[in-house]
Protein backbone atom coordinates (compact mmCIF):
# COMPACT_ATOMS: atom_id res chain seq x y z
CA MET A 1 84.61 57.27 -18.94
CA ARG A 2 81.31 59.22 -18.78
CA GLY A 3 81.92 60.39 -22.45
CA LYS A 4 82.41 56.86 -23.70
CA ILE A 5 79.04 55.80 -22.15
CA LEU A 6 77.30 58.67 -23.55
CA THR A 7 78.83 58.03 -27.03
CA ARG A 8 77.67 54.38 -26.99
CA LEU A 9 74.20 55.26 -25.85
CA ARG A 10 73.77 57.75 -28.68
CA ARG A 11 74.99 55.14 -31.18
CA PHE A 12 72.72 52.50 -29.76
CA ARG A 13 69.86 54.84 -30.10
CA ARG A 14 70.51 55.59 -33.78
CA ARG A 15 71.04 51.95 -34.82
CA GLU A 16 67.94 50.16 -36.36
CA ASP A 17 69.24 46.55 -36.85
CA GLY A 18 67.43 45.24 -33.83
CA THR A 19 63.84 46.33 -34.97
CA ALA A 20 63.06 42.89 -36.40
CA THR A 21 63.69 41.36 -32.82
CA ILE A 22 61.12 43.53 -31.34
CA GLU A 23 58.47 42.64 -34.04
CA THR A 24 59.20 39.02 -33.59
CA LEU A 25 58.73 39.20 -29.84
CA LEU A 26 55.33 41.01 -30.44
CA TRP A 27 54.05 38.28 -33.07
CA LEU A 28 55.63 35.20 -31.46
CA PRO A 29 52.97 34.65 -28.77
CA VAL A 30 50.19 35.03 -31.39
CA MET A 31 52.00 32.51 -33.74
CA LEU A 32 52.47 29.95 -30.85
CA ALA A 33 48.77 30.26 -30.08
CA PHE A 34 47.82 29.30 -33.66
CA VAL A 35 50.29 26.35 -33.60
CA ALA A 36 48.68 25.21 -30.18
CA LEU A 37 45.22 25.57 -31.78
CA ALA A 38 46.19 23.60 -34.77
CA ALA A 39 47.87 20.87 -32.58
CA ASP A 40 44.80 20.71 -30.34
CA ALA A 41 42.40 20.30 -33.31
CA ALA A 42 44.60 17.57 -34.64
CA PHE A 43 44.51 15.80 -31.39
CA VAL A 44 40.58 16.16 -31.23
CA PHE A 45 40.20 14.77 -34.81
CA PHE A 46 42.72 11.83 -34.14
CA GLY A 47 40.88 10.96 -30.89
CA GLN A 48 37.59 10.99 -32.69
CA ASN A 49 38.91 8.80 -35.34
CA GLN A 50 40.41 6.25 -32.74
CA ALA A 51 37.11 6.35 -30.84
CA TYR A 52 35.10 5.44 -34.12
CA ARG A 53 37.34 2.58 -35.00
CA ILE A 54 36.88 1.13 -31.33
CA VAL A 55 33.19 1.64 -31.51
CA GLN A 56 32.94 -0.19 -34.88
CA ASP A 57 35.24 -3.03 -33.60
CA ALA A 58 33.00 -3.37 -30.46
CA ASN A 59 29.82 -3.54 -32.44
CA ARG A 60 31.37 -6.14 -34.69
CA ASN A 61 32.41 -8.22 -31.80
CA LEU A 62 28.73 -8.20 -30.49
CA SER A 63 27.39 -8.75 -33.89
CA VAL A 64 29.45 -11.98 -34.49
CA GLY A 65 28.86 -13.24 -30.94
CA ARG A 66 32.16 -12.60 -29.25
CA PHE A 67 30.47 -10.31 -26.78
CA LYS A 68 27.33 -11.61 -25.36
CA THR A 69 25.70 -8.58 -23.86
CA GLU A 70 25.42 -4.83 -24.19
CA ALA A 71 27.16 -4.43 -20.83
CA GLU A 72 30.19 -6.26 -22.09
CA VAL A 73 30.37 -3.95 -25.09
CA GLU A 74 30.01 -0.78 -22.83
CA GLN A 75 32.66 -2.09 -20.45
CA TYR A 76 34.97 -2.68 -23.61
CA LEU A 77 34.41 0.67 -24.92
CA THR A 78 34.95 2.57 -21.61
CA SER A 79 38.21 0.60 -20.87
CA THR A 80 39.52 0.92 -24.33
CA ILE A 81 38.78 4.53 -25.11
CA GLY A 82 39.77 5.18 -21.39
CA ALA A 83 43.26 4.67 -22.21
CA PHE A 84 43.35 8.16 -24.04
CA ALA A 85 40.17 9.89 -22.86
CA GLU A 86 39.62 9.62 -19.04
CA HIS A 87 35.87 10.67 -18.75
CA VAL A 88 34.29 8.48 -21.44
CA THR A 89 30.59 7.22 -21.29
CA ALA A 90 29.26 4.54 -23.47
CA LYS A 91 25.77 3.23 -24.22
CA THR A 92 25.01 0.18 -26.48
CA THR A 93 21.43 -1.08 -27.47
CA ILE A 94 20.13 -3.89 -29.61
CA GLU A 95 16.92 -2.99 -31.44
CA ASN A 96 15.41 -4.52 -34.47
CA GLY A 97 18.46 -6.75 -35.26
CA MET A 98 20.88 -3.63 -35.03
CA VAL A 99 23.64 -2.98 -32.64
CA THR A 100 24.08 0.76 -31.89
CA SER A 101 26.69 2.14 -29.68
CA VAL A 102 27.21 5.81 -28.79
CA VAL A 103 30.24 6.94 -26.94
CA LYS A 104 30.59 10.59 -25.39
CA ILE A 105 34.05 11.98 -24.77
CA PRO A 106 34.65 15.46 -23.21
CA VAL A 107 36.96 17.26 -25.79
CA ASN A 108 39.09 18.49 -22.79
CA ASP A 109 40.25 14.98 -22.44
CA LEU A 110 41.64 14.99 -25.96
CA ILE A 111 43.45 18.24 -26.16
CA ALA A 112 47.26 18.46 -25.29
CA THR A 113 48.04 22.18 -24.50
CA ASN A 114 44.90 23.34 -22.42
CA MET A 115 45.57 26.80 -23.91
CA ILE A 116 42.08 26.75 -25.28
CA ALA A 117 40.38 24.58 -22.64
CA SER A 118 37.76 27.20 -22.02
CA LEU A 119 36.52 27.02 -25.67
CA MET A 120 36.44 23.19 -25.64
CA ASN A 121 33.64 22.71 -23.03
CA PHE A 122 31.66 20.22 -25.01
CA ASP A 123 31.38 16.53 -25.60
CA LEU A 124 32.49 14.62 -28.67
CA THR A 125 29.81 12.08 -29.66
CA VAL A 126 30.78 9.06 -31.78
CA GLY A 127 28.44 6.37 -32.76
CA ALA A 128 28.15 3.43 -34.99
CA THR A 129 25.31 0.96 -36.02
CA GLN A 130 25.73 -2.58 -37.36
CA PHE A 131 23.53 -5.49 -38.18
CA VAL A 132 23.51 -8.43 -35.74
CA GLU A 133 24.70 -11.50 -37.55
CA TYR A 134 24.42 -14.31 -35.21
């Protein structure tokens, strides 16, 4: 019995067909981190694009008279963008016949994996300006 076990251990030690598994186990966490980084970057860019579209829509609504005050625009922006970013702040002003809205979103609200959350401690700023038409 003991001879069989020693024979099998010697045969196992000489075999080399499992070396790819070890290399894969060493590189897999690095590759998964790159995939997570790419996914988080995609979520940030997608969130920025959504926020920009919403800011433009809000400015247009104020510009044509659907919204009457800057406070209505700010409330619309925080509630609409708040659906995908929890800690959003918005500021809208009308100066010299121009509507300007600026939205700040913490990037941590947009990322999905939180693997790189410590690198993402900054705010994403989205703004748009439009002429008042009414």
